[in-house]
Amino acid sequence: MELSSVCNFSFQTNYHTLLNPHNKNPKSSLLSYQHPKTPIITSSYNNFPSKYCSNKNFHLQNRCSKSLLIAKNSIRTDVSANQTEPPESNTKYSVVTKILNFGHTCWKLQRPYTFIGVISCACGLFGRELFHNTNLLSWSLMLKAFSSLMVILSVNLCTNIINQITDLDIDRINKPDLPLASGEMSIETAWIMSIIVALTGLILTIKLNCGPLFISLYCVSILVGALYSVPPFRWKQNPNTAFSSYFMGLVIVNFTCYYASRAAFGLPFEMRHGISTLATRYGAKNITFLCSGIVLLTYVSAILAAIIWPQAFKSNVMLLSHATLAFWLIFQTREFALTNYNPEAGRKFYEFMWKLYYAEYLVYVFI
């Protein structure tokens, strides 16, 4: 009752006397004027009886204040502990981060699609022999096979590094995401890596006791990879020498992937920088259909071989797999043509050609 009477008494205001006649701003008068008879609400609250102003709220407020104070002190203690923590963990974290970043840069430097292509080729050829002759499986053989794979990857990595060094100006426009073009790795570091990789592959070739023939093949592969990119030779500027170098590498399939990529997204930049290839001479459309036709012809040949000589192959696997790959190739070639041979679509088509390359060696194991 007392609380309601105080509230009613406090808010009973004579609205006819709210405006102060001596104030030139009526709005401020309306807001600031207080009736002389109107008591201040806070004073009314101070005069409440004890039963309406219990000490429970006071004790609760004190408890909350103490809890907040303890929480603030604990947070300050944790922050100060983190600030005074020795920088050893930060140093370890930075070292690990640098190692991971360098590994990612090296992964991009050696062109992942070629890396996977080499591995799929080696595993397909080696896996087929093990699949049909399981008695050959041994740790010593696996170690030699792994060392041989490292030799092949050394050639691939070394030639890719040299190619990116010599194509730096073009890659800054055409492929700005590459490590050298983007500045992730310096040219000096790239040269040092190429020398180390080449020497490592040569040492592994000698340790494998492969004989002078394979040592010579290794050296010739490095030499051809260098002549392909390094001026004044620059075999890549001539379509005949470019084809010869790729034919020596992985024969017809690499030729197809390479020229499909040139026709797809490298054409504008090669024309701008005066690099003569089949794509710049005959156009993206013609070269794309030529290369797709070559791959399609190989699939048709494989299907016919499975029909004519069913005793020589697992005809069901060979027919079904190559028919699927052939229809997939036709579909992707059509999709690429519908984009009017857009450079971005050309990149996807180029990656698709490499997927066909991987798939062929996977199929080879089971036919």
Protein backbone atom coordinates (compact mmCIF):
# COMPACT_ATOMS: atom_id res chain seq x y z
CA MET A 1 0.00 0.00 0.00
CA GLU A 2 2.76 2.42 0.90
CA LEU A 3 4.65 1.63 -2.33
CA SER A 4 1.57 2.24 -4.49
CA SER A 5 0.73 5.46 -2.70
CA VAL A 6 4.27 6.76 -3.15
CA CYS A 7 4.23 5.95 -6.87
CA ASN A 8 0.82 7.58 -7.36
CA PHE A 9 1.85 10.63 -5.46
CA SER A 10 5.14 10.92 -7.37
CA PHE A 11 3.62 10.81 -10.84
CA GLN A 12 0.59 13.05 -10.25
CA THR A 13 1.62 16.11 -12.28
CA ASN A 14 -0.26 19.30 -13.27
CA TYR A 15 0.28 19.37 -17.07
CA HIS A 16 -0.99 22.96 -17.34
CA THR A 17 2.04 24.27 -15.42
CA LEU A 18 4.82 22.20 -17.12
CA LEU A 19 5.89 24.97 -19.49
CA ASN A 20 8.28 27.44 -17.95
CA PRO A 21 7.32 30.91 -19.19
CA HIS A 22 10.83 32.26 -18.58
CA ASN A 23 12.47 29.66 -20.83
CA LYS A 24 12.56 30.41 -24.53
CA ASN A 25 12.72 26.74 -25.45
CA PRO A 26 9.38 25.12 -24.61
CA LYS A 27 10.61 21.62 -25.36
CA SER A 28 13.44 21.80 -22.88
CA SER A 29 11.09 23.29 -20.36
CA LEU A 30 8.76 20.42 -20.84
CA LEU A 31 11.56 17.97 -20.20
CA SER A 32 13.37 19.70 -17.40
CA TYR A 33 10.61 21.28 -15.41
CA GLN A 34 9.61 19.60 -12.16
CA HIS A 35 6.51 20.48 -10.19
CA PRO A 36 7.42 21.96 -6.84
CA LYS A 37 5.09 19.59 -5.07
CA THR A 38 6.42 16.52 -6.84
CA PRO A 39 8.85 14.64 -4.62
CA ILE A 40 11.91 12.94 -6.06
CA ILE A 41 11.35 9.29 -6.57
CA THR A 42 14.73 8.30 -5.21
CA SER A 43 13.95 10.01 -1.92
CA SER A 44 10.71 8.11 -1.76
CA TYR A 45 12.59 4.88 -2.25
CA ASN A 46 14.89 5.79 0.58
CA ASN A 47 11.89 6.13 2.88
CA PHE A 48 10.54 2.64 2.15
CA PRO A 49 9.90 0.43 5.13
CA SER A 50 12.38 -2.33 5.85
CA LYS A 51 9.98 -5.04 4.78
CA TYR A 52 10.00 -3.66 1.21
CA CYS A 53 13.71 -3.13 1.16
CA SER A 54 15.11 -6.39 2.36
CA ASN A 55 18.82 -6.99 2.88
CA LYS A 56 18.66 -10.08 0.70
CA ASN A 57 19.22 -8.07 -2.46
CA PHE A 58 22.13 -6.32 -0.83
CA HIS A 59 23.79 -9.58 0.12
CA LEU A 60 23.12 -11.00 -3.35
CA GLN A 61 24.67 -7.94 -4.94
CA ASN A 62 27.75 -8.28 -2.74
CA ARG A 63 28.08 -11.95 -3.68
CA CYS A 64 27.83 -11.15 -7.41
CA SER A 65 30.39 -8.40 -7.05
CA LYS A 66 32.80 -10.74 -5.30
CA SER A 67 32.30 -13.40 -8.01
CA LEU A 68 32.94 -10.89 -10.78
CA LEU A 69 36.05 -9.65 -8.99
CA ILE A 70 37.40 -13.19 -8.63
CA ALA A 71 36.71 -13.92 -12.32
CA LYS A 72 38.49 -10.72 -13.39
CA ASN A 73 41.51 -11.57 -11.25
CA SER A 74 41.69 -15.11 -12.69
CA ILE A 75 41.52 -13.77 -16.26
CA ARG A 76 44.29 -11.28 -15.51
CA THR A 77 46.38 -14.07 -14.02
CA ASP A 78 45.92 -16.26 -17.14
CA VAL A 79 46.78 -13.39 -19.47
CA SER A 80 49.89 -12.50 -17.50
CA ALA A 81 50.92 -16.18 -17.46
CA ASN A 82 50.54 -16.39 -21.22
CA GLN A 83 52.51 -13.21 -21.68
CA THR A 84 55.31 -14.42 -19.43
CA GLU A 85 55.39 -17.89 -21.07
CA PRO A 86 58.77 -18.59 -22.66
CA PRO A 87 58.83 -18.19 -26.46
CA GLU A 88 60.02 -21.77 -27.03
CA SER A 89 56.58 -23.00 -28.13
CA ASN A 90 56.21 -20.07 -30.52
CA THR A 91 59.64 -20.81 -31.97
CA LYS A 92 58.77 -24.47 -32.49
CA TYR A 93 55.48 -23.51 -34.10
CA SER A 94 57.19 -21.10 -36.49
CA VAL A 95 59.78 -23.72 -37.50
CA VAL A 96 57.08 -26.31 -38.21
CA THR A 97 55.09 -23.74 -40.19
CA LYS A 98 58.12 -22.85 -42.29
CA ILE A 99 58.81 -26.51 -43.03
CA LEU A 100 55.20 -27.13 -44.06
CA ASN A 101 55.13 -24.02 -46.24
CA PHE A 102 58.37 -25.04 -47.94
CA GLY A 103 57.01 -28.53 -48.57
CA HIS A 104 53.85 -27.08 -50.09
CA THR A 105 55.96 -24.80 -52.30
CA CYS A 106 58.04 -27.77 -53.51
CA TRP A 107 54.83 -29.68 -54.21
CA LYS A 108 53.60 -26.89 -56.49
CA LEU A 109 57.05 -26.50 -58.02
CA GLN A 110 57.16 -30.03 -59.40
CA ARG A 111 53.70 -29.81 -61.00
CA PRO A 112 51.45 -32.26 -59.11
CA TYR A 113 49.74 -33.62 -62.23
CA THR A 114 53.06 -34.74 -63.74
CA PHE A 115 54.15 -36.14 -60.38
CA ILE A 116 50.97 -38.22 -60.12
CA GLY A 117 51.32 -39.18 -63.79
CA VAL A 118 54.81 -40.59 -63.28
CA ILE A 119 53.71 -42.50 -60.19
CA SER A 120 50.63 -43.93 -61.94
CA CYS A 121 52.76 -45.04 -64.89
CA ALA A 122 55.38 -46.74 -62.72
CA CYS A 123 52.83 -48.31 -60.37
CA GLY A 124 50.73 -49.53 -63.28
CA LEU A 125 53.61 -51.27 -65.03
CA PHE A 126 55.10 -52.68 -61.84
CA GLY A 127 51.73 -53.52 -60.31
CA ARG A 128 50.69 -55.61 -63.29
CA GLU A 129 53.70 -57.88 -62.88
CA LEU A 130 53.08 -58.28 -59.17
CA PHE A 131 49.36 -58.87 -59.74
CA HIS A 132 50.07 -61.83 -62.01
CA ASN A 133 53.25 -63.04 -60.23
CA THR A 134 52.74 -62.63 -56.51
CA ASN A 135 55.75 -64.85 -55.78
CA LEU A 136 58.01 -62.00 -56.91
CA LEU A 137 56.92 -59.81 -54.00
CA SER A 138 59.76 -59.17 -51.54
CA TRP A 139 61.15 -56.29 -49.50
CA SER A 140 64.35 -56.11 -51.52
CA LEU A 141 62.39 -55.86 -54.75
CA MET A 142 60.11 -53.18 -53.31
CA LEU A 143 63.14 -51.17 -52.17
CA LYS A 144 64.68 -51.31 -55.64
CA ALA A 145 61.37 -50.38 -57.23
CA PHE A 146 61.00 -47.40 -54.89
CA SER A 147 64.57 -46.25 -55.65
CA SER A 148 63.87 -46.52 -59.37
CA LEU A 149 60.73 -44.44 -58.92
CA MET A 150 62.78 -41.78 -57.13
CA VAL A 151 65.14 -41.67 -60.11
CA ILE A 152 62.25 -41.05 -62.51
CA LEU A 153 60.78 -38.40 -60.22
CA SER A 154 64.19 -36.72 -60.01
CA VAL A 155 64.22 -36.29 -63.79
CA ASN A 156 60.68 -34.96 -63.72
CA LEU A 157 61.33 -32.49 -60.89
CA CYS A 158 64.64 -31.24 -62.30
CA THR A 159 63.23 -30.55 -65.76
CA ASN A 160 60.13 -28.86 -64.29
CA ILE A 161 62.27 -26.52 -62.20
CA ILE A 162 64.44 -25.57 -65.19
CA ASN A 163 61.33 -24.99 -67.28
CA GLN A 164 59.81 -22.67 -64.67
CA ILE A 165 63.04 -20.71 -64.28
CA THR A 166 63.37 -20.04 -68.00
CA ASP A 167 59.64 -19.31 -68.42
CA LEU A 168 59.44 -16.93 -65.48
CA ASP A 169 58.29 -13.88 -67.46
CA ILE A 170 55.59 -15.84 -69.27
CA ASP A 171 54.44 -17.66 -66.13
CA ARG A 172 53.90 -14.36 -64.32
CA ILE A 173 51.12 -13.72 -66.83
CA ASN A 174 49.98 -17.20 -67.75
CA LYS A 175 50.46 -19.11 -64.47
CA PRO A 176 50.89 -16.58 -61.64
CA ASP A 177 50.16 -19.21 -58.98
CA LEU A 178 53.44 -21.07 -59.57
CA PRO A 179 56.06 -20.66 -56.81
CA LEU A 180 58.64 -18.76 -58.86
CA ALA A 181 56.09 -16.56 -60.61
CA SER A 182 54.36 -15.68 -57.34
CA GLY A 183 57.64 -15.06 -55.48
CA GLU A 184 57.23 -17.89 -52.98
CA MET A 185 60.66 -19.21 -53.98
CA SER A 186 63.68 -17.35 -55.30
CA ILE A 187 65.45 -18.26 -58.54
CA GLU A 188 68.67 -19.02 -56.65
CA THR A 189 66.88 -21.52 -54.42
CA ALA A 190 65.27 -23.13 -57.47
CA TRP A 191 68.64 -23.55 -59.22
CA ILE A 192 70.15 -25.11 -56.08
CA MET A 193 67.20 -27.50 -55.80
CA SER A 194 67.49 -28.55 -59.45
CA ILE A 195 71.20 -29.35 -59.03
CA ILE A 196 70.62 -31.29 -55.79
CA VAL A 197 67.75 -33.28 -57.32
CA ALA A 198 69.75 -34.10 -60.48
CA LEU A 199 72.75 -35.30 -58.45
CA THR A 200 70.51 -37.33 -56.13
CA GLY A 201 68.93 -39.14 -59.07
CA LEU A 202 72.33 -39.83 -60.61
CA ILE A 203 73.67 -41.26 -57.34
CA LEU A 204 70.62 -43.51 -56.98
CA THR A 205 71.04 -44.73 -60.57
CA ILE A 206 74.67 -45.65 -59.88
CA LYS A 207 73.80 -47.32 -56.55
CA LEU A 208 71.17 -49.50 -58.24
CA ASN A 209 73.88 -51.05 -60.46
CA CYS A 210 71.79 -50.39 -63.53
CA GLY A 211 74.81 -50.35 -65.82
CA PRO A 212 76.06 -47.68 -68.22
CA LEU A 213 72.95 -47.84 -70.42
CA PHE A 214 70.54 -46.59 -67.77
CA ILE A 215 73.04 -44.06 -66.45
CA SER A 216 73.32 -42.68 -69.98
CA LEU A 217 69.53 -42.62 -70.35
CA TYR A 218 69.25 -40.65 -67.11
CA CYS A 219 71.80 -38.08 -68.26
CA VAL A 220 70.17 -37.80 -71.70
CA SER A 221 66.76 -37.24 -70.08
CA ILE A 222 68.13 -34.37 -67.99
CA LEU A 223 69.85 -32.94 -71.07
CA VAL A 224 66.71 -33.12 -73.21
CA GLY A 225 64.71 -31.48 -70.42
CA ALA A 226 67.23 -28.65 -70.27
CA LEU A 227 67.35 -28.18 -74.06
CA TYR A 228 63.58 -28.04 -74.09
CA SER A 229 63.59 -24.87 -71.95
CA VAL A 230 67.03 -23.23 -71.79
CA PRO A 231 67.91 -20.56 -74.37
CA PRO A 232 69.26 -20.36 -77.00
CA PHE A 233 67.95 -23.86 -77.78
CA ARG A 234 64.38 -23.52 -76.46
CA TRP A 235 63.04 -26.64 -78.17
CA LYS A 236 59.59 -25.77 -76.89
CA GLN A 237 59.43 -22.85 -79.35
CA ASN A 238 59.55 -25.26 -82.27
CA PRO A 239 56.68 -27.75 -82.58
CA ASN A 240 58.91 -30.44 -84.13
CA THR A 241 61.55 -30.39 -81.41
CA ALA A 242 58.88 -30.02 -78.72
CA PHE A 243 57.11 -33.10 -80.05
CA SER A 244 60.42 -35.01 -80.20
CA SER A 245 61.27 -34.21 -76.60
CA TYR A 246 57.87 -35.30 -75.35
CA PHE A 247 57.92 -38.38 -77.52
CA MET A 248 61.16 -39.36 -75.83
CA GLY A 249 59.54 -38.83 -72.46
CA LEU A 250 56.23 -40.65 -72.40
CA VAL A 251 55.39 -41.06 -76.11
CA ILE A 252 51.93 -40.30 -77.44
CA VAL A 253 49.85 -39.62 -74.31
CA ASN A 254 52.05 -36.84 -73.00
CA PHE A 255 52.01 -35.34 -76.47
CA THR A 256 48.22 -35.29 -76.32
CA CYS A 257 48.03 -33.73 -72.87
CA TYR A 258 50.68 -31.18 -73.69
CA TYR A 259 49.13 -29.94 -76.89
CA ALA A 260 45.63 -30.03 -75.44
CA SER A 261 46.86 -27.70 -72.71
CA ARG A 262 48.51 -25.44 -75.27
CA ALA A 263 45.34 -25.23 -77.29
CA ALA A 264 43.20 -24.82 -74.22
CA PHE A 265 44.68 -22.05 -72.13
CA GLY A 266 48.25 -21.33 -73.23
CA LEU A 267 47.46 -20.09 -76.72
CA PRO A 268 46.97 -16.34 -76.06
CA PHE A 269 50.20 -16.08 -74.09
CA GLU A 270 52.27 -18.05 -76.59
CA MET A 271 51.03 -15.87 -79.42
CA ARG A 272 51.87 -12.78 -77.38
CA HIS A 273 55.40 -13.98 -76.63
CA GLY A 274 56.13 -15.41 -80.06
CA ILE A 275 56.29 -19.09 -79.10
CA SER A 276 55.45 -21.21 -82.14
CA THR A 277 53.46 -24.39 -81.46
CA LEU A 278 50.85 -26.39 -83.33
CA ALA A 279 48.18 -24.60 -81.30
CA THR A 280 49.36 -21.14 -82.38
CA ARG A 281 49.64 -22.28 -86.00
CA TYR A 282 46.37 -24.14 -86.44
CA GLY A 283 44.17 -22.84 -83.64
CA ALA A 284 42.75 -24.21 -80.43
CA LYS A 285 39.74 -25.91 -81.99
CA ASN A 286 41.69 -27.92 -84.58
CA ILE A 287 44.39 -29.06 -82.17
CA THR A 288 41.89 -30.01 -79.48
CA PHE A 289 39.94 -32.17 -81.91
CA LEU A 290 43.19 -33.65 -83.22
CA CYS A 291 44.42 -34.65 -79.79
CA SER A 292 41.02 -35.90 -78.63
CA GLY A 293 40.78 -37.89 -81.85
CA ILE A 294 44.16 -39.52 -81.23
CA VAL A 295 43.15 -40.62 -77.73
CA LEU A 296 39.74 -41.77 -78.97
CA LEU A 297 41.46 -43.80 -81.68
CA THR A 298 43.55 -45.60 -79.06
CA TYR A 299 40.38 -46.47 -77.12
CA VAL A 300 38.69 -47.82 -80.24
CA SER A 301 41.83 -49.86 -80.99
CA ALA A 302 41.76 -51.31 -77.48
CA ILE A 303 38.09 -52.27 -77.87
CA LEU A 304 38.77 -53.95 -81.22
CA ALA A 305 41.77 -55.79 -79.77
CA ALA A 306 39.59 -57.15 -76.97
CA ILE A 307 37.05 -58.39 -79.54
CA ILE A 308 39.58 -59.90 -81.97
CA TRP A 309 41.90 -61.48 -79.37
CA PRO A 310 39.74 -62.31 -76.35
CA GLN A 311 42.25 -64.94 -75.24
CA ALA A 312 45.03 -62.36 -74.89
CA PHE A 313 43.14 -60.00 -72.56
CA LYS A 314 40.36 -59.99 -70.04
CA SER A 315 37.95 -58.86 -72.70
CA ASN A 316 35.10 -57.84 -70.39
CA VAL A 317 37.30 -55.48 -68.38
CA MET A 318 39.01 -54.11 -71.46
CA LEU A 319 35.78 -53.49 -73.37
CA LEU A 320 33.86 -51.89 -70.52
CA SER A 321 36.71 -49.69 -69.26
CA HIS A 322 37.75 -48.30 -72.66
CA ALA A 323 34.16 -47.78 -73.78
CA THR A 324 33.54 -45.77 -70.60
CA LEU A 325 36.69 -43.70 -71.11
CA ALA A 326 35.80 -43.10 -74.76
CA PHE A 327 32.32 -41.77 -73.94
CA TRP A 328 33.78 -39.66 -71.13
CA LEU A 329 36.29 -38.16 -73.57
CA ILE A 330 33.60 -37.35 -76.15
CA PHE A 331 31.43 -35.69 -73.51
CA GLN A 332 34.26 -33.53 -72.11
CA THR A 333 35.43 -32.52 -75.59
CA ARG A 334 31.90 -31.40 -76.43
CA GLU A 335 31.62 -29.46 -73.17
CA PHE A 336 34.92 -27.74 -73.89
CA ALA A 337 33.76 -26.81 -77.39
CA LEU A 338 30.54 -25.28 -75.99
CA THR A 339 32.65 -22.85 -73.93
CA ASN A 340 34.19 -21.56 -77.17
CA TYR A 341 37.57 -22.85 -75.91
CA ASN A 342 37.67 -20.54 -72.92
CA PRO A 343 41.10 -20.53 -71.17
CA GLU A 344 39.60 -21.40 -67.78
CA ALA A 345 37.66 -24.28 -69.31
CA GLY A 346 40.88 -25.28 -71.04
CA ARG A 347 42.58 -25.77 -67.69
CA LYS A 348 39.83 -28.13 -66.61
CA PHE A 349 40.04 -29.98 -69.91
CA TYR A 350 43.80 -30.31 -69.46
CA GLU A 351 43.32 -31.79 -65.99
CA PHE A 352 40.74 -34.14 -67.45
CA MET A 353 43.26 -35.42 -70.03
CA TRP A 354 45.65 -36.26 -67.23
CA LYS A 355 42.87 -38.15 -65.44
CA LEU A 356 42.46 -40.27 -68.56
CA TYR A 357 46.19 -40.87 -68.44
CA TYR A 358 46.00 -42.05 -64.81
CA ALA A 359 42.96 -44.22 -65.54
CA GLU A 360 44.67 -46.03 -68.41
CA TYR A 361 47.50 -47.28 -66.21
CA LEU A 362 44.98 -48.32 -63.56
CA VAL A 363 43.08 -50.35 -66.15
CA TYR A 364 46.34 -51.85 -67.43
CA VAL A 365 46.87 -53.66 -64.13
CA PHE A 366 43.66 -55.69 -64.50
CA ILE A 367 43.47 -56.48 -68.22
